[in-house]
């Protein structure tokens, strides 16, 4: 038997809840790529890469292009490889290079977790207009034409304007070359990860994940 159409009445009872923040990266982080000649067998030309942090811009309601990180390979030799970095983040704990877990991966396959921050620039702070996602819960009374009624809870989401602190920093990070980077190298990927991801899952702070890839032809 089909139930008669429902009539919904909103209860005045409302609870505001701060919305949880989703993760800014997935298990396989995206890495913008620059294709270039192998630097271990010749000169090192322009190779700057930009990483658009669209996830955090969306979560904080920031204007497009607010959070753009940049990296370039500064030196590549049989002794070491170094990268210049510029970082923009809403995370105060990630407002210096030493706040990140920085590591290097390459092909043929290797992983080097022993990064050395050789230069650390100053940390600048600015206020940018953004927004925060807020959820409200409402109790509704739902009734049909027969007089059968019940109460259910619905959740309504909206964004509220909020100023966001954005931190900028830069510097140089290096990795020793133990023979795994040479003219036979096919690519290098520089990773910057949050060393202490929050235990609160989607209701915790945003997890910072940044990566840059250089492919050699």
N, C-alpha and C. Protein backbone atom coordinates (compact mmCIF):
# COMPACT_ATOMS: atom_id res chain seq x y z
N UNK A 1 0.85 -1.19 0.00
CA UNK A 1 0.00 0.00 0.00
C UNK A 1 0.88 1.23 0.00
N UNK A 2 0.55 2.21 -0.85
CA UNK A 2 1.32 3.43 -0.91
C UNK A 2 0.92 4.38 0.20
N UNK A 3 1.89 4.99 0.87
CA UNK A 3 1.60 5.95 1.92
C UNK A 3 1.27 7.30 1.29
N UNK A 4 0.38 8.04 1.89
CA UNK A 4 -0.03 9.34 1.37
C UNK A 4 1.12 10.32 1.43
N UNK A 5 1.10 11.38 0.60
CA UNK A 5 2.17 12.39 0.59
C UNK A 5 2.44 12.97 1.97
N UNK A 6 3.70 13.26 2.23
CA UNK A 6 4.13 13.77 3.53
C UNK A 6 4.03 15.29 3.58
N UNK A 7 3.74 15.83 4.76
CA UNK A 7 3.78 17.26 5.04
C UNK A 7 4.85 17.48 6.09
N UNK A 8 5.83 18.33 5.78
CA UNK A 8 6.98 18.54 6.65
C UNK A 8 6.88 19.86 7.38
N UNK A 9 7.14 19.84 8.69
CA UNK A 9 7.15 21.06 9.50
C UNK A 9 8.50 21.17 10.20
N UNK A 10 9.11 22.31 10.10
CA UNK A 10 10.40 22.52 10.76
C UNK A 10 10.21 22.86 12.23
N UNK A 11 10.98 22.24 13.08
CA UNK A 11 11.01 22.60 14.49
C UNK A 11 11.93 23.80 14.67
N UNK A 12 11.66 24.70 15.62
CA UNK A 12 12.55 25.85 15.83
C UNK A 12 13.87 25.47 16.46
N UNK A 13 14.00 24.20 16.89
CA UNK A 13 15.22 23.77 17.57
C UNK A 13 16.35 23.60 16.57
N UNK A 14 17.45 24.35 16.72
CA UNK A 14 18.58 24.30 15.81
C UNK A 14 19.88 24.25 16.58
N UNK A 15 20.82 23.42 16.14
CA UNK A 15 22.15 23.32 16.74
C UNK A 15 23.17 23.61 15.66
N UNK A 16 24.10 24.53 15.90
CA UNK A 16 25.17 24.82 14.95
C UNK A 16 26.39 23.98 15.28
N UNK A 17 26.95 23.37 14.26
CA UNK A 17 28.13 22.54 14.44
C UNK A 17 29.20 22.97 13.45
N UNK A 18 30.45 23.04 13.90
CA UNK A 18 31.56 23.31 12.97
C UNK A 18 31.76 22.07 12.11
N UNK A 19 31.85 22.25 10.82
CA UNK A 19 32.00 21.11 9.92
C UNK A 19 33.40 20.54 10.00
N UNK A 20 33.53 19.24 9.77
CA UNK A 20 34.83 18.61 9.74
C UNK A 20 35.56 18.94 8.46
N UNK A 21 36.87 18.90 8.51
CA UNK A 21 37.70 19.20 7.34
C UNK A 21 38.18 17.91 6.73
N UNK A 22 38.00 17.77 5.44
CA UNK A 22 38.46 16.57 4.77
C UNK A 22 39.96 16.65 4.51
N UNK A 23 40.57 15.55 4.10
CA UNK A 23 42.00 15.50 3.86
C UNK A 23 42.35 16.25 2.59
N UNK A 24 43.49 16.89 2.63
CA UNK A 24 43.91 17.65 1.46
C UNK A 24 44.65 16.82 0.45
N UNK A 25 44.90 15.57 0.77
CA UNK A 25 45.61 14.71 -0.17
C UNK A 25 45.08 13.31 -0.10
N UNK A 26 45.30 12.54 -1.11
CA UNK A 26 44.90 11.15 -1.14
C UNK A 26 46.13 10.29 -0.95
N UNK A 27 45.91 8.96 -0.95
CA UNK A 27 47.03 8.04 -0.74
C UNK A 27 48.08 8.20 -1.84
N UNK A 28 47.65 8.58 -3.05
CA UNK A 28 48.59 8.80 -4.16
C UNK A 28 48.56 10.28 -4.51
N UNK A 29 49.49 11.03 -3.98
CA UNK A 29 49.47 12.48 -4.14
C UNK A 29 49.80 12.86 -5.57
N UNK A 30 49.10 13.86 -6.10
CA UNK A 30 49.39 14.33 -7.46
C UNK A 30 50.68 15.15 -7.43
N UNK A 31 51.42 15.11 -8.53
CA UNK A 31 52.68 15.84 -8.60
C UNK A 31 52.79 16.51 -9.97
N UNK A 32 52.71 17.84 -10.04
CA UNK A 32 52.95 18.52 -11.31
C UNK A 32 54.35 18.19 -11.81
N UNK A 33 54.50 18.06 -13.13
CA UNK A 33 55.73 17.50 -13.70
C UNK A 33 56.40 18.47 -14.68
N UNK A 34 57.73 18.52 -14.61
CA UNK A 34 58.53 19.31 -15.54
C UNK A 34 59.45 18.35 -16.29
N UNK A 35 59.39 18.38 -17.62
CA UNK A 35 60.23 17.50 -18.45
C UNK A 35 61.46 18.28 -18.88
N UNK A 36 62.63 17.68 -18.68
CA UNK A 36 63.88 18.39 -18.95
C UNK A 36 64.99 17.39 -19.30
N UNK A 37 66.13 17.93 -19.77
CA UNK A 37 67.29 17.08 -20.01
C UNK A 37 67.86 16.61 -18.67
N UNK A 38 68.47 15.46 -18.68
CA UNK A 38 69.06 14.92 -17.45
C UNK A 38 70.13 15.89 -16.94
N UNK A 39 69.95 16.43 -15.70
CA UNK A 39 70.88 17.45 -15.20
C UNK A 39 72.21 16.89 -14.71
N UNK A 40 72.29 15.57 -14.54
CA UNK A 40 73.53 14.98 -14.02
C UNK A 40 74.58 14.80 -15.11
N UNK A 41 74.18 15.06 -16.36
CA UNK A 41 75.15 14.92 -17.43
C UNK A 41 75.36 16.20 -18.21
N UNK A 42 74.86 17.31 -17.68
CA UNK A 42 75.00 18.57 -18.40
C UNK A 42 74.62 19.75 -17.53
N UNK A 43 74.19 20.81 -18.19
CA UNK A 43 73.85 22.03 -17.46
C UNK A 43 72.42 21.96 -16.92
N UNK A 44 72.17 22.79 -15.92
CA UNK A 44 70.86 22.83 -15.27
C UNK A 44 70.16 24.12 -15.68
N UNK A 45 69.14 24.00 -16.52
CA UNK A 45 68.40 25.17 -16.99
C UNK A 45 67.20 25.47 -16.13
N UNK A 46 66.34 26.36 -16.60
CA UNK A 46 65.12 26.72 -15.88
C UNK A 46 64.23 25.49 -15.71
N UNK A 47 63.77 25.25 -14.49
CA UNK A 47 62.97 24.04 -14.24
C UNK A 47 61.95 24.22 -13.13
N UNK A 48 61.51 25.44 -12.91
CA UNK A 48 60.58 25.75 -11.82
C UNK A 48 59.23 25.06 -12.02
N UNK A 49 58.67 24.55 -10.92
CA UNK A 49 57.37 23.87 -10.92
C UNK A 49 56.47 24.52 -9.86
N UNK A 50 55.22 24.73 -10.20
CA UNK A 50 54.24 25.25 -9.24
C UNK A 50 53.24 24.17 -8.87
N UNK A 51 52.88 24.14 -7.58
CA UNK A 51 51.88 23.20 -7.06
C UNK A 51 50.71 24.01 -6.54
N UNK A 52 49.55 23.87 -7.16
CA UNK A 52 48.34 24.56 -6.74
C UNK A 52 47.64 23.73 -5.67
N UNK A 53 47.52 24.29 -4.48
CA UNK A 53 46.86 23.57 -3.38
C UNK A 53 45.36 23.87 -3.42
N UNK A 54 44.68 23.31 -4.41
CA UNK A 54 43.26 23.57 -4.61
C UNK A 54 42.40 23.04 -3.47
N UNK A 55 42.82 21.92 -2.87
CA UNK A 55 42.04 21.31 -1.80
C UNK A 55 41.93 22.25 -0.60
N UNK A 56 43.07 22.80 -0.16
CA UNK A 56 43.04 23.70 0.99
C UNK A 56 42.38 25.04 0.64
N UNK A 57 42.55 25.50 -0.59
CA UNK A 57 41.84 26.71 -1.01
C UNK A 57 40.34 26.51 -0.90
N UNK A 58 39.87 25.35 -1.33
CA UNK A 58 38.44 25.07 -1.25
C UNK A 58 37.95 24.92 0.17
N UNK A 59 38.73 24.23 1.01
CA UNK A 59 38.32 24.01 2.39
C UNK A 59 38.24 25.32 3.17
N UNK A 60 39.16 26.23 2.91
CA UNK A 60 39.19 27.50 3.63
C UNK A 60 38.45 28.61 2.89
N UNK A 61 37.85 28.30 1.75
CA UNK A 61 37.13 29.31 0.99
C UNK A 61 38.02 30.43 0.49
N UNK A 62 39.28 30.12 0.16
CA UNK A 62 40.24 31.14 -0.25
C UNK A 62 40.16 31.38 -1.75
N UNK A 63 40.48 32.59 -2.20
CA UNK A 63 40.47 32.88 -3.64
C UNK A 63 41.43 31.97 -4.40
N UNK A 64 41.07 31.64 -5.63
CA UNK A 64 41.91 30.81 -6.47
C UNK A 64 43.30 31.44 -6.64
N UNK A 65 44.33 30.63 -6.46
CA UNK A 65 45.69 31.11 -6.60
C UNK A 65 46.32 31.61 -5.31
N UNK A 66 45.59 31.54 -4.19
CA UNK A 66 46.14 31.99 -2.91
C UNK A 66 47.25 31.07 -2.43
N UNK A 67 47.04 29.76 -2.56
CA UNK A 67 48.01 28.79 -2.05
C UNK A 67 48.74 28.12 -3.22
N UNK A 68 49.85 28.73 -3.62
CA UNK A 68 50.66 28.19 -4.70
C UNK A 68 52.08 27.98 -4.17
N UNK A 69 52.53 26.73 -4.17
CA UNK A 69 53.88 26.39 -3.76
C UNK A 69 54.76 26.27 -5.01
N UNK A 70 56.07 26.44 -4.83
CA UNK A 70 56.97 26.42 -5.98
C UNK A 70 58.28 25.75 -5.61
N UNK A 71 58.83 25.00 -6.55
CA UNK A 71 60.12 24.34 -6.34
C UNK A 71 60.93 24.35 -7.63
N UNK A 72 62.24 24.41 -7.49
CA UNK A 72 63.14 24.31 -8.64
C UNK A 72 64.39 23.56 -8.21
N UNK A 73 64.95 22.79 -9.12
CA UNK A 73 66.19 22.07 -8.84
C UNK A 73 67.34 23.06 -8.98
N UNK A 74 68.08 23.26 -7.89
CA UNK A 74 69.14 24.28 -7.87
C UNK A 74 70.49 23.72 -8.26
N UNK A 75 70.81 22.53 -7.79
CA UNK A 75 72.07 21.87 -8.14
C UNK A 75 71.83 20.38 -8.30
N UNK A 76 72.62 19.75 -9.18
CA UNK A 76 72.54 18.30 -9.38
C UNK A 76 73.93 17.81 -9.76
N UNK A 77 74.56 17.07 -8.84
CA UNK A 77 75.92 16.60 -9.07
C UNK A 77 76.09 15.20 -8.51
N UNK A 78 77.30 14.67 -8.62
CA UNK A 78 77.56 13.35 -8.06
C UNK A 78 77.68 13.38 -6.55
N UNK A 79 77.63 14.60 -5.96
CA UNK A 79 77.72 14.73 -4.50
C UNK A 79 76.35 14.96 -3.85
N UNK A 80 75.51 15.79 -4.48
CA UNK A 80 74.22 16.11 -3.90
C UNK A 80 73.29 16.72 -4.95
N UNK A 81 72.01 16.74 -4.59
CA UNK A 81 71.00 17.46 -5.37
C UNK A 81 70.26 18.37 -4.41
N UNK A 82 70.04 19.63 -4.82
CA UNK A 82 69.40 20.62 -3.96
C UNK A 82 68.22 21.26 -4.67
N UNK A 83 67.23 21.68 -3.87
CA UNK A 83 66.02 22.29 -4.41
C UNK A 83 65.72 23.59 -3.67
N UNK A 84 65.36 24.62 -4.43
CA UNK A 84 64.83 25.85 -3.84
C UNK A 84 63.32 25.69 -3.69
N UNK A 85 62.80 26.12 -2.54
CA UNK A 85 61.38 25.94 -2.25
C UNK A 85 60.73 27.25 -1.81
N UNK A 86 59.47 27.44 -2.21
CA UNK A 86 58.62 28.51 -1.71
C UNK A 86 57.29 27.87 -1.33
N UNK A 87 56.87 28.10 -0.08
CA UNK A 87 55.68 27.45 0.46
C UNK A 87 54.68 28.49 0.95
N UNK A 88 53.40 28.29 0.63
CA UNK A 88 52.30 29.09 1.18
C UNK A 88 51.27 28.12 1.77
N UNK A 89 50.98 28.30 3.05
CA UNK A 89 50.12 27.34 3.74
C UNK A 89 49.28 28.03 4.81
N UNK A 90 48.05 27.53 5.08
CA UNK A 90 47.26 28.02 6.21
C UNK A 90 47.63 27.31 7.52
N UNK A 91 48.60 26.40 7.46
CA UNK A 91 49.02 25.65 8.63
C UNK A 91 50.21 26.32 9.30
N UNK A 92 50.03 26.82 10.50
CA UNK A 92 51.13 27.47 11.22
C UNK A 92 52.24 26.49 11.52
N UNK A 93 51.91 25.23 11.80
CA UNK A 93 52.93 24.24 12.12
C UNK A 93 53.75 23.83 10.89
N UNK A 94 53.27 24.20 9.69
CA UNK A 94 54.02 23.89 8.47
C UNK A 94 54.60 25.15 7.85
N UNK A 95 54.75 26.20 8.66
CA UNK A 95 55.21 27.49 8.16
C UNK A 95 56.74 27.61 8.12
N UNK A 96 57.44 26.50 8.21
CA UNK A 96 58.89 26.48 7.99
C UNK A 96 59.23 25.14 7.36
N UNK A 97 60.32 25.08 6.61
CA UNK A 97 60.67 23.84 5.93
C UNK A 97 60.92 22.69 6.90
N UNK A 98 61.45 23.02 8.08
CA UNK A 98 61.73 21.98 9.06
C UNK A 98 60.47 21.40 9.67
N UNK A 99 59.34 22.04 9.42
CA UNK A 99 58.06 21.52 9.91
C UNK A 99 57.50 20.40 9.04
N UNK A 100 58.11 20.19 7.86
CA UNK A 100 57.63 19.18 6.94
C UNK A 100 58.47 17.90 7.03
N UNK A 101 57.90 16.80 6.60
CA UNK A 101 58.67 15.56 6.38
C UNK A 101 59.03 15.56 4.90
N UNK A 102 60.28 15.90 4.59
CA UNK A 102 60.71 16.07 3.21
C UNK A 102 61.53 14.86 2.77
N UNK A 103 61.17 14.27 1.64
CA UNK A 103 61.91 13.12 1.15
C UNK A 103 61.91 13.11 -0.38
N UNK A 104 62.77 12.27 -0.93
CA UNK A 104 62.98 12.24 -2.38
C UNK A 104 62.81 10.81 -2.89
N UNK A 105 62.09 10.69 -3.99
CA UNK A 105 61.94 9.40 -4.67
C UNK A 105 62.38 9.55 -6.12
N UNK A 106 62.84 8.47 -6.72
CA UNK A 106 63.28 8.55 -8.10
C UNK A 106 63.16 7.25 -8.84
N UNK A 107 63.42 7.31 -10.15
CA UNK A 107 63.49 6.14 -11.02
C UNK A 107 64.81 6.18 -11.77
N UNK A 108 65.55 5.04 -11.85
CA UNK A 108 65.26 3.76 -11.20
C UNK A 108 64.96 3.94 -9.71
N UNK A 109 64.11 3.04 -9.20
CA UNK A 109 63.46 3.22 -7.91
C UNK A 109 64.44 3.37 -6.74
N UNK A 110 64.24 4.46 -5.99
CA UNK A 110 64.93 4.65 -4.71
C UNK A 110 64.11 5.63 -3.89
N UNK A 111 64.37 5.66 -2.62
CA UNK A 111 63.75 6.61 -1.70
C UNK A 111 64.79 7.09 -0.70
N UNK A 112 64.86 8.41 -0.52
CA UNK A 112 65.83 9.00 0.40
C UNK A 112 65.07 9.89 1.38
N UNK A 113 65.08 9.49 2.65
CA UNK A 113 64.38 10.23 3.70
C UNK A 113 65.30 11.21 4.43
N UNK A 114 66.58 11.26 4.05
CA UNK A 114 67.57 12.06 4.78
C UNK A 114 67.76 13.43 4.14
N UNK A 115 66.77 14.27 4.29
CA UNK A 115 66.87 15.62 3.74
C UNK A 115 67.63 16.54 4.70
N UNK A 116 68.26 17.56 4.13
CA UNK A 116 68.98 18.54 4.92
C UNK A 116 68.53 19.94 4.49
N UNK A 117 67.94 20.68 5.43
CA UNK A 117 67.53 22.06 5.14
C UNK A 117 68.77 22.95 5.27
N UNK A 118 69.29 23.41 4.14
CA UNK A 118 70.51 24.21 4.13
C UNK A 118 70.23 25.70 4.30
N UNK A 119 69.04 26.12 3.95
CA UNK A 119 68.69 27.54 4.09
C UNK A 119 67.21 27.64 4.41
N UNK A 120 66.88 28.50 5.37
CA UNK A 120 65.50 28.72 5.78
C UNK A 120 65.21 30.22 5.73
N UNK A 121 64.28 30.62 4.88
CA UNK A 121 63.89 32.01 4.80
C UNK A 121 62.98 32.41 5.95
N UNK A 122 62.69 33.68 6.05
CA UNK A 122 61.80 34.15 7.10
C UNK A 122 60.36 33.72 6.82
N UNK A 123 59.54 33.69 7.84
CA UNK A 123 58.14 33.34 7.71
C UNK A 123 57.30 34.61 7.73
N UNK A 124 56.57 34.85 6.66
CA UNK A 124 55.68 36.00 6.57
C UNK A 124 54.24 35.55 6.78
N UNK A 125 53.43 36.46 7.30
CA UNK A 125 52.03 36.15 7.60
C UNK A 125 51.13 37.23 7.00
N UNK A 126 50.03 36.81 6.40
CA UNK A 126 49.05 37.75 5.89
C UNK A 126 47.65 37.22 6.14
N UNK A 127 46.69 38.13 6.20
CA UNK A 127 45.30 37.77 6.41
C UNK A 127 44.58 37.81 5.06
N UNK A 128 43.91 36.73 4.72
CA UNK A 128 43.18 36.62 3.46
C UNK A 128 41.72 36.29 3.77
N UNK A 129 40.82 36.96 3.10
CA UNK A 129 39.40 36.68 3.31
C UNK A 129 39.01 35.32 2.78
N UNK A 130 38.46 34.50 3.64
CA UNK A 130 38.01 33.17 3.25
C UNK A 130 36.67 32.87 3.88
N UNK A 131 36.40 31.59 4.12
CA UNK A 131 35.15 31.19 4.75
C UNK A 131 35.32 29.84 5.40
N UNK A 132 34.41 29.53 6.31
CA UNK A 132 34.43 28.25 6.99
C UNK A 132 33.08 27.57 6.79
N UNK A 133 33.10 26.26 6.63
CA UNK A 133 31.88 25.49 6.44
C UNK A 133 31.24 25.20 7.79
N UNK A 134 29.96 25.56 7.91
CA UNK A 134 29.22 25.36 9.16
C UNK A 134 27.98 24.53 8.87
N UNK A 135 27.67 23.61 9.76
CA UNK A 135 26.49 22.76 9.60
C UNK A 135 25.48 23.06 10.70
N UNK A 136 24.21 23.08 10.35
CA UNK A 136 23.14 23.23 11.34
C UNK A 136 22.25 22.00 11.28
N UNK A 137 21.84 21.53 12.44
CA UNK A 137 20.92 20.38 12.52
C UNK A 137 19.55 20.87 12.96
N UNK A 138 18.52 20.40 12.27
CA UNK A 138 17.15 20.78 12.59
C UNK A 138 16.29 19.53 12.76
N UNK A 139 15.42 19.57 13.77
CA UNK A 139 14.43 18.51 13.94
C UNK A 139 13.21 18.87 13.11
N UNK A 140 12.73 17.93 12.30
CA UNK A 140 11.55 18.14 11.49
C UNK A 140 10.46 17.14 11.87
N UNK A 141 9.22 17.62 11.86
CA UNK A 141 8.08 16.73 12.07
C UNK A 141 7.45 16.45 10.71
N UNK A 142 7.36 15.19 10.39
CA UNK A 142 6.84 14.77 9.09
C UNK A 142 5.53 14.01 9.31
N UNK A 143 4.44 14.44 8.61
CA UNK A 143 3.12 13.83 8.77
C UNK A 143 2.52 13.51 7.41
N UNK A 144 1.74 12.43 7.36
CA UNK A 144 1.02 12.12 6.12
C UNK A 144 -0.46 12.46 6.29
N UNK A 145 -1.25 12.19 5.25
CA UNK A 145 -2.67 12.58 5.26
C UNK A 145 -3.50 11.78 6.25
N UNK A 146 -2.95 10.67 6.75
CA UNK A 146 -3.69 9.85 7.71
C UNK A 146 -3.45 10.32 9.15
N UNK A 147 -2.55 11.29 9.31
CA UNK A 147 -2.23 11.77 10.65
C UNK A 147 -1.05 11.10 11.29
N UNK A 148 -0.38 10.17 10.54
CA UNK A 148 0.82 9.52 11.06
C UNK A 148 1.98 10.50 11.00
N UNK A 149 2.64 10.72 12.15
CA UNK A 149 3.74 11.69 12.22
C UNK A 149 4.97 11.07 12.88
N UNK A 150 6.11 11.57 12.51
CA UNK A 150 7.36 11.19 13.17
C UNK A 150 8.34 12.34 13.03
N UNK A 151 9.40 12.30 13.84
CA UNK A 151 10.41 13.36 13.84
C UNK A 151 11.72 12.83 13.27
N UNK A 152 12.34 13.62 12.41
CA UNK A 152 13.65 13.25 11.89
C UNK A 152 14.57 14.46 11.96
N UNK A 153 15.87 14.21 11.93
CA UNK A 153 16.87 15.28 12.00
C UNK A 153 17.52 15.44 10.63
N UNK A 154 17.60 16.67 10.16
CA UNK A 154 18.27 16.95 8.90
C UNK A 154 19.46 17.86 9.17
N UNK A 155 20.45 17.82 8.28
CA UNK A 155 21.64 18.65 8.41
C UNK A 155 21.72 19.60 7.23
N UNK A 156 21.91 20.88 7.52
CA UNK A 156 22.02 21.91 6.49
C UNK A 156 23.43 22.51 6.58
N UNK A 157 24.11 22.62 5.42
CA UNK A 157 25.46 23.17 5.37
C UNK A 157 25.46 24.55 4.74
N UNK A 158 26.31 25.42 5.27
CA UNK A 158 26.47 26.76 4.69
C UNK A 158 27.87 27.25 5.01
N UNK A 159 28.34 28.24 4.25
CA UNK A 159 29.67 28.81 4.48
C UNK A 159 29.52 30.19 5.11
N UNK A 160 30.38 30.45 6.11
CA UNK A 160 30.37 31.71 6.84
C UNK A 160 31.71 32.41 6.62
N UNK A 161 31.69 33.72 6.28
CA UNK A 161 32.95 34.44 6.04
C UNK A 161 33.89 34.35 7.25
N UNK A 162 35.17 34.20 6.97
CA UNK A 162 36.17 34.10 8.04
C UNK A 162 37.53 34.49 7.48
N UNK A 163 38.27 35.30 8.24
CA UNK A 163 39.64 35.65 7.86
C UNK A 163 40.55 34.46 8.11
N UNK A 164 41.46 34.21 7.16
CA UNK A 164 42.37 33.07 7.25
C UNK A 164 43.81 33.59 7.23
N UNK A 165 44.62 33.11 8.16
CA UNK A 165 46.05 33.45 8.16
C UNK A 165 46.78 32.54 7.17
N UNK A 166 47.50 33.16 6.25
CA UNK A 166 48.30 32.41 5.27
C UNK A 166 49.77 32.71 5.52
N UNK A 167 50.57 31.65 5.66
CA UNK A 167 51.98 31.80 5.98
C UNK A 167 52.83 31.49 4.74
N UNK A 168 53.86 32.30 4.53
CA UNK A 168 54.76 32.11 3.39
C UNK A 168 56.18 31.93 3.91
N UNK A 169 56.90 30.99 3.30
CA UNK A 169 58.30 30.77 3.67
C UNK A 169 59.04 30.20 2.46
N UNK A 170 60.33 30.05 2.60
CA UNK A 170 61.14 29.50 1.51
C UNK A 170 62.47 29.02 2.05
N UNK A 171 63.29 28.50 1.15
CA UNK A 171 64.60 28.01 1.56
C UNK A 171 65.13 26.99 0.60
N UNK A 172 66.16 26.28 1.04
CA UNK A 172 66.79 25.25 0.20
C UNK A 172 66.91 23.95 0.98
N UNK A 173 66.59 22.85 0.31
CA UNK A 173 66.71 21.52 0.92
C UNK A 173 67.57 20.67 -0.01
N UNK A 174 68.46 19.84 0.59
CA UNK A 174 69.40 19.03 -0.20
C UNK A 174 69.38 17.56 0.22
N UNK A 175 69.84 16.72 -0.69
CA UNK A 175 69.98 15.28 -0.45
C UNK A 175 71.35 14.84 -0.96
N UNK A 176 72.03 14.03 -0.17
CA UNK A 176 73.31 13.49 -0.60
C UNK A 176 73.12 12.48 -1.73
N UNK A 177 74.10 12.42 -2.63
CA UNK A 177 74.04 11.48 -3.74
C UNK A 177 74.97 10.31 -3.46
N UNK A 178 74.36 9.17 -3.16
CA UNK A 178 75.14 7.97 -2.85
C UNK A 178 75.29 7.08 -4.08
N UNK A 179 75.17 7.69 -5.25
CA UNK A 179 75.33 6.92 -6.49
C UNK A 179 74.02 6.52 -7.13
N UNK A 180 72.88 6.84 -6.46
CA UNK A 180 71.58 6.45 -7.01
C UNK A 180 71.00 7.51 -7.94
N UNK A 181 71.70 8.65 -8.09
CA UNK A 181 71.27 9.69 -9.04
C UNK A 181 72.42 9.93 -10.02
N UNK A 182 72.13 9.74 -11.31
CA UNK A 182 73.19 9.80 -12.33
C UNK A 182 72.56 10.07 -13.69
N UNK A 183 73.36 9.93 -14.72
CA UNK A 183 72.87 10.10 -16.09
C UNK A 183 71.85 9.02 -16.46
N UNK A 184 71.78 7.96 -15.64
CA UNK A 184 70.79 6.90 -15.88
C UNK A 184 69.45 7.19 -15.21
N UNK A 185 69.39 8.25 -14.41
CA UNK A 185 68.14 8.59 -13.71
C UNK A 185 67.06 8.99 -14.71
N UNK A 186 65.84 8.56 -14.45
CA UNK A 186 64.70 8.86 -15.32
C UNK A 186 63.81 9.98 -14.76
N UNK A 187 63.72 10.05 -13.43
CA UNK A 187 62.91 11.11 -12.82
C UNK A 187 63.24 11.23 -11.34
N UNK A 188 62.93 12.40 -10.78
CA UNK A 188 63.01 12.66 -9.34
C UNK A 188 61.71 13.31 -8.90
N UNK A 189 61.20 12.88 -7.74
CA UNK A 189 59.99 13.48 -7.18
C UNK A 189 60.27 13.92 -5.75
N UNK A 190 60.11 15.20 -5.51
CA UNK A 190 60.32 15.78 -4.18
C UNK A 190 58.99 15.83 -3.45
N UNK A 191 58.95 15.23 -2.25
CA UNK A 191 57.72 15.15 -1.47
C UNK A 191 57.85 15.97 -0.18
N UNK A 192 56.78 16.69 0.17
CA UNK A 192 56.67 17.38 1.45
C UNK A 192 55.36 16.94 2.08
N UNK A 193 55.47 16.20 3.20
CA UNK A 193 54.29 15.68 3.89
C UNK A 193 54.22 16.20 5.32
N UNK A 194 53.01 16.26 5.85
CA UNK A 194 52.81 16.59 7.25
C UNK A 194 53.37 15.44 8.10
N UNK A 195 54.34 15.71 8.98
CA UNK A 195 54.92 14.63 9.77
C UNK A 195 54.03 14.14 10.90
N UNK A 196 53.01 14.90 11.24
CA UNK A 196 52.12 14.52 12.35
C UNK A 196 50.67 14.69 11.95
N UNK A 197 50.15 13.82 11.07
CA UNK A 197 48.75 13.94 10.68
C UNK A 197 47.84 13.78 11.88
N UNK A 198 46.76 14.55 11.96
CA UNK A 198 45.88 14.51 13.13
C UNK A 198 45.15 13.18 13.25
N UNK A 199 44.89 12.79 14.49
CA UNK A 199 44.18 11.53 14.74
C UNK A 199 42.68 11.67 14.56
N UNK A 200 42.21 12.92 14.40
CA UNK A 200 40.77 13.16 14.31
C UNK A 200 40.16 12.87 12.97
N UNK A 201 40.95 12.33 12.02
CA UNK A 201 40.40 12.01 10.71
C UNK A 201 39.87 13.25 10.02
N UNK A 202 38.68 13.14 9.40
CA UNK A 202 38.12 14.24 8.63
C UNK A 202 37.74 15.42 9.51
N UNK A 203 37.65 15.22 10.84
CA UNK A 203 37.31 16.32 11.74
C UNK A 203 38.54 16.94 12.36
N UNK A 204 39.71 16.54 11.90
CA UNK A 204 40.94 17.12 12.40
C UNK A 204 41.41 18.24 11.50
N UNK A 205 42.63 18.69 11.73
CA UNK A 205 43.20 19.75 10.89
C UNK A 205 43.52 19.19 9.51
N UNK A 206 43.68 20.09 8.55
CA UNK A 206 43.99 19.65 7.20
C UNK A 206 45.39 19.03 7.15
N UNK A 207 45.51 17.98 6.38
CA UNK A 207 46.81 17.34 6.21
C UNK A 207 47.50 17.94 4.99
N UNK A 208 48.70 18.48 5.16
CA UNK A 208 49.42 19.09 4.06
C UNK A 208 50.20 18.05 3.27
N UNK A 209 50.01 18.04 1.95
CA UNK A 209 50.77 17.14 1.09
C UNK A 209 51.11 17.89 -0.19
N UNK A 210 52.39 17.95 -0.49
CA UNK A 210 52.88 18.68 -1.66
C UNK A 210 53.92 17.81 -2.36
N UNK A 211 53.94 17.84 -3.69
CA UNK A 211 54.95 17.07 -4.43
C UNK A 211 55.28 17.75 -5.74
N UNK A 212 56.52 17.57 -6.18
CA UNK A 212 57.01 18.12 -7.45
C UNK A 212 57.81 17.02 -8.16
N UNK A 213 57.62 16.90 -9.48
CA UNK A 213 58.31 15.83 -10.22
C UNK A 213 59.07 16.39 -11.42
N UNK A 214 60.31 15.93 -11.56
CA UNK A 214 61.13 16.27 -12.73
C UNK A 214 61.39 14.99 -13.52
N UNK A 215 60.99 14.96 -14.77
CA UNK A 215 61.24 13.82 -15.64
C UNK A 215 62.34 14.17 -16.63
N UNK A 216 63.24 13.21 -16.86
CA UNK A 216 64.40 13.46 -17.72
C UNK A 216 64.23 12.75 -19.06
N UNK A 217 64.48 13.50 -20.14
CA UNK A 217 64.37 12.90 -21.47
C UNK A 217 65.75 12.65 -22.08
